[in-house]
Amino acid sequence: MASKAATIVTALKTALQANHPGTVYPPDVVQPVLFWPDEKALDPTLTTIYLIRPGEERGGPGPTGCEVTENLEIFILAARRYTSASDDPFKEDPPRWQVSADLVADVKEKLRQDEKLGGLAITVFAGPAGGQASVDHERYLPRWVVPELRTMVRYRYEKNDR
């Protein structure tokens, strides 16, 4: 039997594979990983790749002692193969920033469409103030645009489950 954390990651994979009418860059593949690979590991035959990396797990028994509530930190790297006639940010077409922002919007939309992961999670947007996700647009790889989205998934299960 898979752990609840593994079940959550599998549900996230399913949610991220779904395409919605507003999706600008549908993923060719969505893959859970334990660490971010280097650029050479990104398959150049694919155009858009989502990698899901679980981070820190926090939680414990709830107030009744019958249920466990956990928070699982999730990092999603949305990689899009990128070519432009110029490396000059004033001449890029389309601008890296635009591609990065569209990738992030695609991921957030997919998460909003299934925020409870089919009933497995309380929310995919748990945070200190609730409803938060953070994004890092700064990662640079010469042939890819690779924003990283970070969120927290909150879920609950019976204490006798895995």
N, C-alpha and C. Protein backbone atom coordinates (compact mmCIF):
# COMPACT_ATOMS: atom_id res chain seq x y z
N MET A 1 0.84 -1.17 0.00
CA MET A 1 0.00 0.00 0.00
C MET A 1 0.89 1.24 0.00
N ALA A 2 0.58 2.17 -0.89
CA ALA A 2 1.36 3.41 -0.99
C ALA A 2 1.08 4.31 0.21
N SER A 3 2.08 5.08 0.59
CA SER A 3 1.89 6.06 1.67
C SER A 3 0.93 7.15 1.19
N LYS A 4 0.38 7.91 2.13
CA LYS A 4 -0.51 9.01 1.77
C LYS A 4 0.24 10.07 0.97
N ALA A 5 1.50 10.32 1.32
CA ALA A 5 2.28 11.30 0.58
C ALA A 5 2.45 10.84 -0.88
N ALA A 6 2.74 9.56 -1.09
CA ALA A 6 2.89 9.05 -2.46
C ALA A 6 1.56 9.13 -3.22
N THR A 7 0.47 8.87 -2.53
CA THR A 7 -0.86 8.97 -3.13
C THR A 7 -1.16 10.41 -3.55
N ILE A 8 -0.76 11.37 -2.71
CA ILE A 8 -0.96 12.79 -3.02
C ILE A 8 -0.14 13.18 -4.25
N VAL A 9 1.10 12.74 -4.34
CA VAL A 9 1.94 13.07 -5.49
C VAL A 9 1.35 12.47 -6.77
N THR A 10 0.83 11.25 -6.69
CA THR A 10 0.18 10.62 -7.85
C THR A 10 -1.05 11.43 -8.28
N ALA A 11 -1.84 11.89 -7.31
CA ALA A 11 -3.02 12.70 -7.63
C ALA A 11 -2.62 14.04 -8.24
N LEU A 12 -1.53 14.63 -7.76
CA LEU A 12 -1.02 15.87 -8.35
C LEU A 12 -0.61 15.64 -9.80
N LYS A 13 0.05 14.53 -10.05
CA LYS A 13 0.46 14.20 -11.42
C LYS A 13 -0.77 14.15 -12.33
N THR A 14 -1.82 13.49 -11.88
CA THR A 14 -3.06 13.40 -12.66
C THR A 14 -3.65 14.79 -12.90
N ALA A 15 -3.70 15.61 -11.85
CA ALA A 15 -4.26 16.96 -11.98
C ALA A 15 -3.45 17.81 -12.97
N LEU A 16 -2.13 17.66 -12.95
CA LEU A 16 -1.28 18.47 -13.83
C LEU A 16 -1.29 17.98 -15.28
N GLN A 17 -1.67 16.73 -15.49
CA GLN A 17 -1.77 16.21 -16.85
C GLN A 17 -3.03 16.70 -17.56
N ALA A 18 -4.02 17.11 -16.80
CA ALA A 18 -5.29 17.57 -17.39
C ALA A 18 -5.07 18.88 -18.14
N ASN A 19 -5.70 18.99 -19.29
CA ASN A 19 -5.63 20.23 -20.05
C ASN A 19 -6.97 20.94 -19.98
N HIS A 20 -6.91 22.23 -19.78
CA HIS A 20 -8.10 23.06 -19.68
C HIS A 20 -8.09 24.04 -20.85
N PRO A 21 -9.23 24.63 -21.17
CA PRO A 21 -9.30 25.53 -22.34
C PRO A 21 -8.26 26.65 -22.32
N GLY A 22 -7.88 27.13 -21.15
CA GLY A 22 -6.94 28.24 -21.08
C GLY A 22 -5.47 27.82 -21.08
N THR A 23 -5.19 26.52 -21.12
CA THR A 23 -3.80 26.05 -21.06
C THR A 23 -3.03 26.53 -22.29
N VAL A 24 -1.95 27.26 -22.05
CA VAL A 24 -1.12 27.78 -23.15
C VAL A 24 -0.10 26.74 -23.59
N TYR A 25 0.56 26.09 -22.61
CA TYR A 25 1.61 25.12 -22.91
C TYR A 25 1.29 23.78 -22.24
N PRO A 26 0.50 22.91 -22.88
CA PRO A 26 0.19 21.61 -22.28
C PRO A 26 1.47 20.77 -22.11
N PRO A 27 1.58 20.05 -21.00
CA PRO A 27 2.80 19.26 -20.79
C PRO A 27 2.82 18.00 -21.67
N ASP A 28 4.00 17.70 -22.17
CA ASP A 28 4.20 16.44 -22.89
C ASP A 28 4.33 15.29 -21.89
N VAL A 29 4.88 15.61 -20.72
CA VAL A 29 5.06 14.60 -19.68
C VAL A 29 5.03 15.29 -18.31
N VAL A 30 4.49 14.57 -17.32
CA VAL A 30 4.51 15.02 -15.92
C VAL A 30 5.16 13.89 -15.14
N GLN A 31 6.24 14.20 -14.40
CA GLN A 31 7.00 13.15 -13.75
C GLN A 31 7.40 13.53 -12.33
N PRO A 32 7.05 12.70 -11.33
CA PRO A 32 7.58 12.93 -9.98
C PRO A 32 9.07 12.59 -9.93
N VAL A 33 9.85 13.38 -9.18
CA VAL A 33 11.29 13.16 -9.02
C VAL A 33 11.68 13.44 -7.57
N LEU A 34 12.85 12.96 -7.18
CA LEU A 34 13.36 13.26 -5.84
C LEU A 34 14.28 14.47 -5.83
N PHE A 35 14.82 14.85 -6.98
CA PHE A 35 15.71 16.00 -7.07
C PHE A 35 15.58 16.57 -8.48
N TRP A 36 15.97 17.84 -8.64
CA TRP A 36 15.92 18.45 -9.97
C TRP A 36 17.10 17.95 -10.78
N PRO A 37 16.84 17.45 -11.99
CA PRO A 37 17.95 17.02 -12.84
C PRO A 37 18.64 18.23 -13.46
N ASP A 38 19.85 18.01 -13.99
CA ASP A 38 20.49 19.11 -14.71
C ASP A 38 19.90 19.20 -16.11
N GLU A 39 20.32 20.20 -16.85
CA GLU A 39 19.73 20.46 -18.16
C GLU A 39 19.85 19.26 -19.10
N LYS A 40 20.94 18.52 -19.01
CA LYS A 40 21.15 17.38 -19.91
C LYS A 40 20.10 16.29 -19.71
N ALA A 41 19.49 16.26 -18.54
CA ALA A 41 18.48 15.24 -18.26
C ALA A 41 17.11 15.61 -18.83
N LEU A 42 16.91 16.88 -19.20
CA LEU A 42 15.64 17.30 -19.79
C LEU A 42 15.61 16.84 -21.24
N ASP A 43 14.65 16.02 -21.58
CA ASP A 43 14.56 15.39 -22.89
C ASP A 43 14.34 16.45 -23.99
N PRO A 44 15.32 16.63 -24.89
CA PRO A 44 15.19 17.66 -25.92
C PRO A 44 14.14 17.33 -26.98
N THR A 45 13.61 16.11 -26.98
CA THR A 45 12.55 15.78 -27.94
C THR A 45 11.18 16.23 -27.44
N LEU A 46 11.12 16.63 -26.17
CA LEU A 46 9.87 17.12 -25.59
C LEU A 46 9.88 18.64 -25.55
N THR A 47 8.70 19.22 -25.58
CA THR A 47 8.60 20.68 -25.57
C THR A 47 8.31 21.22 -24.17
N THR A 48 7.36 20.60 -23.45
CA THR A 48 7.00 21.06 -22.11
C THR A 48 7.01 19.88 -21.15
N ILE A 49 7.71 20.06 -20.03
CA ILE A 49 7.88 19.00 -19.04
C ILE A 49 7.53 19.58 -17.67
N TYR A 50 6.72 18.85 -16.90
CA TYR A 50 6.47 19.22 -15.51
C TYR A 50 7.15 18.17 -14.64
N LEU A 51 7.94 18.63 -13.68
CA LEU A 51 8.54 17.74 -12.69
C LEU A 51 7.97 18.10 -11.33
N ILE A 52 7.57 17.09 -10.57
CA ILE A 52 6.98 17.28 -9.24
C ILE A 52 7.97 16.73 -8.22
N ARG A 53 8.41 17.59 -7.30
CA ARG A 53 9.34 17.14 -6.25
C ARG A 53 8.73 17.38 -4.89
N PRO A 54 8.48 16.29 -4.14
CA PRO A 54 8.00 16.49 -2.76
C PRO A 54 9.14 17.02 -1.89
N GLY A 55 8.77 17.85 -0.95
CA GLY A 55 9.74 18.40 -0.01
C GLY A 55 9.44 17.92 1.40
N GLU A 56 9.48 18.85 2.33
CA GLU A 56 9.30 18.54 3.74
C GLU A 56 7.86 18.15 4.05
N GLU A 57 7.70 17.13 4.88
CA GLU A 57 6.38 16.72 5.40
C GLU A 57 6.31 17.13 6.85
N ARG A 58 5.20 17.77 7.24
CA ARG A 58 4.99 18.17 8.62
C ARG A 58 3.58 17.82 9.03
N GLY A 59 3.42 17.43 10.28
CA GLY A 59 2.07 17.16 10.77
C GLY A 59 2.09 16.17 11.92
N GLY A 60 0.90 15.75 12.28
CA GLY A 60 0.77 14.80 13.37
C GLY A 60 -0.69 14.63 13.74
N PRO A 61 -0.94 13.90 14.81
CA PRO A 61 -2.32 13.63 15.22
C PRO A 61 -3.09 14.92 15.48
N GLY A 62 -4.35 14.90 15.08
CA GLY A 62 -5.23 16.05 15.30
C GLY A 62 -5.75 16.09 16.72
N PRO A 63 -6.68 17.00 17.00
CA PRO A 63 -7.17 17.20 18.36
C PRO A 63 -7.87 15.98 18.95
N THR A 64 -8.48 15.16 18.11
CA THR A 64 -9.19 13.98 18.64
C THR A 64 -8.27 12.79 18.77
N GLY A 65 -7.12 12.84 18.15
CA GLY A 65 -6.18 11.73 18.21
C GLY A 65 -6.52 10.60 17.25
N CYS A 66 -7.64 10.69 16.56
CA CYS A 66 -8.06 9.64 15.62
C CYS A 66 -7.60 9.90 14.20
N GLU A 67 -7.26 11.15 13.91
CA GLU A 67 -6.86 11.53 12.57
C GLU A 67 -5.49 12.19 12.60
N VAL A 68 -4.79 12.08 11.48
CA VAL A 68 -3.50 12.73 11.30
C VAL A 68 -3.69 13.80 10.22
N THR A 69 -3.22 15.00 10.50
CA THR A 69 -3.25 16.07 9.50
C THR A 69 -1.81 16.38 9.13
N GLU A 70 -1.52 16.35 7.85
CA GLU A 70 -0.15 16.56 7.37
C GLU A 70 -0.12 17.68 6.34
N ASN A 71 1.02 18.33 6.25
CA ASN A 71 1.32 19.29 5.19
C ASN A 71 2.51 18.74 4.42
N LEU A 72 2.37 18.66 3.11
CA LEU A 72 3.45 18.18 2.25
C LEU A 72 3.86 19.31 1.32
N GLU A 73 5.10 19.73 1.47
CA GLU A 73 5.64 20.78 0.61
C GLU A 73 5.85 20.19 -0.78
N ILE A 74 5.42 20.92 -1.80
CA ILE A 74 5.53 20.44 -3.18
C ILE A 74 6.20 21.51 -4.02
N PHE A 75 7.17 21.09 -4.82
CA PHE A 75 7.83 21.95 -5.79
C PHE A 75 7.47 21.44 -7.18
N ILE A 76 7.05 22.32 -8.05
CA ILE A 76 6.72 21.94 -9.42
C ILE A 76 7.60 22.77 -10.35
N LEU A 77 8.43 22.08 -11.11
CA LEU A 77 9.28 22.73 -12.10
C LEU A 77 8.60 22.56 -13.45
N ALA A 78 8.23 23.66 -14.07
CA ALA A 78 7.59 23.61 -15.39
C ALA A 78 8.64 24.03 -16.41
N ALA A 79 9.16 23.09 -17.17
CA ALA A 79 10.23 23.38 -18.12
C ALA A 79 9.67 23.43 -19.54
N ARG A 80 10.02 24.47 -20.25
CA ARG A 80 9.58 24.65 -21.64
C ARG A 80 10.80 24.90 -22.51
N ARG A 81 10.98 24.06 -23.53
CA ARG A 81 12.10 24.27 -24.45
C ARG A 81 11.95 25.66 -25.07
N TYR A 82 13.08 26.38 -25.17
CA TYR A 82 13.00 27.78 -25.57
C TYR A 82 14.05 28.08 -26.63
N THR A 83 13.60 28.71 -27.69
CA THR A 83 14.52 29.21 -28.70
C THR A 83 14.11 30.63 -29.05
N SER A 84 15.11 31.46 -29.21
CA SER A 84 14.88 32.84 -29.62
C SER A 84 16.04 33.24 -30.52
N ALA A 85 15.77 34.12 -31.43
CA ALA A 85 16.83 34.58 -32.35
C ALA A 85 17.92 35.35 -31.61
N SER A 86 17.62 35.80 -30.39
CA SER A 86 18.56 36.62 -29.64
C SER A 86 18.53 36.25 -28.16
N ASP A 87 19.70 36.31 -27.52
CA ASP A 87 19.78 36.15 -26.07
C ASP A 87 19.62 37.50 -25.37
N ASP A 88 19.54 38.55 -26.14
CA ASP A 88 19.34 39.89 -25.60
C ASP A 88 17.90 39.97 -25.08
N PRO A 89 17.70 40.23 -23.79
CA PRO A 89 16.33 40.24 -23.24
C PRO A 89 15.43 41.29 -23.88
N PHE A 90 16.01 42.28 -24.57
CA PHE A 90 15.21 43.30 -25.23
C PHE A 90 14.77 42.87 -26.63
N LYS A 91 15.36 41.75 -27.10
CA LYS A 91 15.05 41.29 -28.46
C LYS A 91 14.48 39.88 -28.49
N GLU A 92 14.30 39.26 -27.33
CA GLU A 92 13.76 37.90 -27.29
C GLU A 92 12.35 37.87 -27.86
N ASP A 93 12.05 36.80 -28.60
CA ASP A 93 10.71 36.66 -29.15
C ASP A 93 10.30 35.19 -29.12
N PRO A 94 9.36 34.80 -28.27
CA PRO A 94 8.69 35.62 -27.26
C PRO A 94 9.63 35.84 -26.07
N PRO A 95 9.37 36.86 -25.27
CA PRO A 95 10.22 37.09 -24.09
C PRO A 95 10.17 35.92 -23.12
N ARG A 96 11.32 35.57 -22.55
CA ARG A 96 11.38 34.49 -21.55
C ARG A 96 10.36 34.73 -20.44
N TRP A 97 10.25 35.98 -20.01
CA TRP A 97 9.34 36.31 -18.92
C TRP A 97 7.92 35.91 -19.27
N GLN A 98 7.49 36.16 -20.49
CA GLN A 98 6.13 35.82 -20.92
C GLN A 98 5.92 34.30 -20.89
N VAL A 99 6.88 33.55 -21.39
CA VAL A 99 6.78 32.09 -21.39
C VAL A 99 6.72 31.58 -19.95
N SER A 100 7.58 32.12 -19.08
CA SER A 100 7.61 31.71 -17.68
C SER A 100 6.28 32.01 -16.99
N ALA A 101 5.76 33.21 -17.20
CA ALA A 101 4.48 33.59 -16.58
C ALA A 101 3.34 32.71 -17.08
N ASP A 102 3.33 32.37 -18.37
CA ASP A 102 2.29 31.50 -18.92
C ASP A 102 2.39 30.08 -18.34
N LEU A 103 3.61 29.57 -18.19
CA LEU A 103 3.79 28.24 -17.59
C LEU A 103 3.22 28.22 -16.17
N VAL A 104 3.54 29.24 -15.39
CA VAL A 104 3.05 29.32 -14.01
C VAL A 104 1.53 29.42 -13.98
N ALA A 105 0.97 30.25 -14.86
CA ALA A 105 -0.49 30.38 -14.92
C ALA A 105 -1.14 29.04 -15.27
N ASP A 106 -0.53 28.29 -16.19
CA ASP A 106 -1.06 26.97 -16.55
C ASP A 106 -1.09 26.04 -15.34
N VAL A 107 0.02 25.99 -14.59
CA VAL A 107 0.11 25.11 -13.42
C VAL A 107 -0.91 25.52 -12.36
N LYS A 108 -0.99 26.81 -12.07
CA LYS A 108 -1.94 27.29 -11.05
C LYS A 108 -3.38 26.98 -11.45
N GLU A 109 -3.70 27.14 -12.72
CA GLU A 109 -5.06 26.84 -13.19
C GLU A 109 -5.38 25.37 -13.00
N LYS A 110 -4.45 24.50 -13.32
CA LYS A 110 -4.67 23.06 -13.16
C LYS A 110 -4.89 22.71 -11.68
N LEU A 111 -4.13 23.34 -10.80
CA LEU A 111 -4.29 23.09 -9.36
C LEU A 111 -5.61 23.64 -8.85
N ARG A 112 -6.01 24.82 -9.32
CA ARG A 112 -7.30 25.39 -8.90
C ARG A 112 -8.47 24.54 -9.37
N GLN A 113 -8.36 23.90 -10.51
CA GLN A 113 -9.45 23.10 -11.05
C GLN A 113 -9.70 21.84 -10.21
N ASP A 114 -8.66 21.37 -9.50
CA ASP A 114 -8.81 20.18 -8.66
C ASP A 114 -8.09 20.42 -7.33
N GLU A 115 -8.49 21.47 -6.64
CA GLU A 115 -7.80 21.91 -5.42
C GLU A 115 -7.79 20.86 -4.32
N LYS A 116 -8.78 19.97 -4.32
CA LYS A 116 -8.86 18.94 -3.28
C LYS A 116 -8.37 17.57 -3.79
N LEU A 117 -7.82 17.55 -4.99
CA LEU A 117 -7.27 16.32 -5.59
C LEU A 117 -8.24 15.15 -5.49
N GLY A 118 -9.45 15.40 -5.94
CA GLY A 118 -10.46 14.35 -5.95
C GLY A 118 -10.88 13.90 -4.56
N GLY A 119 -10.72 14.76 -3.56
CA GLY A 119 -11.11 14.42 -2.20
C GLY A 119 -9.98 13.90 -1.33
N LEU A 120 -8.78 13.74 -1.88
CA LEU A 120 -7.64 13.24 -1.10
C LEU A 120 -7.03 14.33 -0.21
N ALA A 121 -7.17 15.58 -0.64
CA ALA A 121 -6.53 16.69 0.08
C ALA A 121 -7.58 17.66 0.61
N ILE A 122 -7.20 18.38 1.65
CA ILE A 122 -8.03 19.48 2.14
C ILE A 122 -7.85 20.65 1.17
N THR A 123 -6.60 20.91 0.77
CA THR A 123 -6.30 21.95 -0.21
C THR A 123 -4.88 21.75 -0.74
N VAL A 124 -4.65 22.18 -1.98
CA VAL A 124 -3.29 22.17 -2.53
C VAL A 124 -2.63 23.53 -2.33
N PHE A 125 -3.34 24.45 -1.71
CA PHE A 125 -2.82 25.80 -1.47
C PHE A 125 -2.75 26.12 0.01
N ALA A 126 -2.25 25.22 0.84
CA ALA A 126 -2.09 25.50 2.27
C ALA A 126 -0.85 26.37 2.45
N GLY A 127 -0.88 27.21 3.43
CA GLY A 127 0.27 28.07 3.73
C GLY A 127 0.02 28.74 5.05
N PRO A 128 0.99 29.50 5.54
CA PRO A 128 0.81 30.17 6.83
C PRO A 128 -0.46 31.02 6.88
N ALA A 129 -0.79 31.69 5.78
CA ALA A 129 -2.01 32.51 5.74
C ALA A 129 -3.07 31.88 4.84
N GLY A 130 -2.81 30.67 4.35
CA GLY A 130 -3.76 29.98 3.47
C GLY A 130 -3.74 30.54 2.05
N GLY A 131 -4.00 29.67 1.09
CA GLY A 131 -4.13 30.10 -0.29
C GLY A 131 -2.86 30.60 -0.95
N GLN A 132 -1.71 30.21 -0.45
CA GLN A 132 -0.47 30.77 -0.97
C GLN A 132 0.32 29.77 -1.80
N ALA A 133 0.92 30.27 -2.84
CA ALA A 133 1.92 29.54 -3.61
C ALA A 133 2.99 30.57 -3.95
N SER A 134 4.23 30.15 -4.00
CA SER A 134 5.29 31.09 -4.37
C SER A 134 5.96 30.57 -5.64
N VAL A 135 6.54 31.50 -6.39
CA VAL A 135 7.13 31.16 -7.68
C VAL A 135 8.52 31.76 -7.77
N ASP A 136 9.45 30.99 -8.30
CA ASP A 136 10.80 31.46 -8.58
C ASP A 136 10.98 31.44 -10.09
N HIS A 137 11.13 32.62 -10.69
CA HIS A 137 11.32 32.73 -12.14
C HIS A 137 12.81 32.86 -12.50
N GLU A 138 13.70 32.80 -11.52
CA GLU A 138 15.10 33.18 -11.75
C GLU A 138 15.99 32.09 -12.32
N ARG A 139 15.56 30.84 -12.27
CA ARG A 139 16.43 29.75 -12.75
C ARG A 139 16.70 29.94 -14.24
N TYR A 140 17.95 29.81 -14.65
CA TYR A 140 18.31 29.99 -16.05
C TYR A 140 18.97 28.73 -16.59
N LEU A 141 18.42 28.23 -17.67
CA LEU A 141 19.06 27.18 -18.47
C LEU A 141 19.02 27.68 -19.91
N PRO A 142 20.12 27.59 -20.65
CA PRO A 142 20.20 28.22 -21.96
C PRO A 142 19.08 27.85 -22.94
N ARG A 143 18.63 26.62 -22.96
CA ARG A 143 17.63 26.21 -23.95
C ARG A 143 16.26 25.94 -23.35
N TRP A 144 16.06 26.39 -22.11
CA TRP A 144 14.79 26.13 -21.42
C TRP A 144 14.34 27.35 -20.62
N VAL A 145 13.04 27.48 -20.45
CA VAL A 145 12.46 28.41 -19.48
C VAL A 145 11.95 27.51 -18.36
N VAL A 146 12.36 27.77 -17.12
CA VAL A 146 12.08 26.81 -16.04
C VAL A 146 11.64 27.48 -14.74
N PRO A 147 10.43 28.01 -14.68
CA PRO A 147 9.95 28.53 -13.40
C PRO A 147 9.65 27.39 -12.43
N GLU A 148 9.82 27.68 -11.16
CA GLU A 148 9.53 26.71 -10.10
C GLU A 148 8.42 27.26 -9.22
N LEU A 149 7.36 26.49 -9.08
CA LEU A 149 6.24 26.86 -8.22
C LEU A 149 6.33 26.03 -6.94
N ARG A 150 6.12 26.67 -5.80
CA ARG A 150 6.18 25.98 -4.52
C ARG A 150 4.84 26.16 -3.81
N THR A 151 4.28 25.05 -3.36
CA THR A 151 3.02 25.12 -2.63
C THR A 151 3.03 24.08 -1.51
N MET A 152 1.99 24.07 -0.73
CA MET A 152 1.86 23.14 0.38
C MET A 152 0.51 22.43 0.23
N VAL A 153 0.54 21.12 0.28
CA VAL A 153 -0.70 20.34 0.21
C VAL A 153 -1.04 19.88 1.62
N ARG A 154 -2.24 20.21 2.07
CA ARG A 154 -2.71 19.77 3.39
C ARG A 154 -3.69 18.62 3.18
N TYR A 155 -3.48 17.54 3.92
CA TYR A 155 -4.38 16.38 3.81
C TYR A 155 -4.53 15.72 5.17
N ARG A 156 -5.56 14.90 5.29
CA ARG A 156 -5.90 14.27 6.56
C ARG A 156 -6.20 12.80 6.31
N TYR A 157 -5.86 11.96 7.26
CA TYR A 157 -6.18 10.54 7.14
C TYR A 157 -6.30 9.92 8.53
N GLU A 158 -6.91 8.76 8.57
CA GLU A 158 -7.08 8.03 9.83
C GLU A 158 -5.72 7.60 10.37
N LYS A 159 -5.54 7.65 11.67
CA LYS A 159 -4.22 7.39 12.25
C LYS A 159 -3.72 5.96 11.99
N ASN A 160 -4.62 5.03 11.70
CA ASN A 160 -4.19 3.65 11.43
C ASN A 160 -3.82 3.43 9.97
N ASP A 161 -4.02 4.45 9.10
CA ASP A 161 -3.61 4.35 7.70
C ASP A 161 -2.14 4.70 7.59
N ARG A 162 -1.62 4.48 6.39
CA ARG A 162 -0.22 4.85 6.10
C ARG A 162 -0.17 6.26 5.65
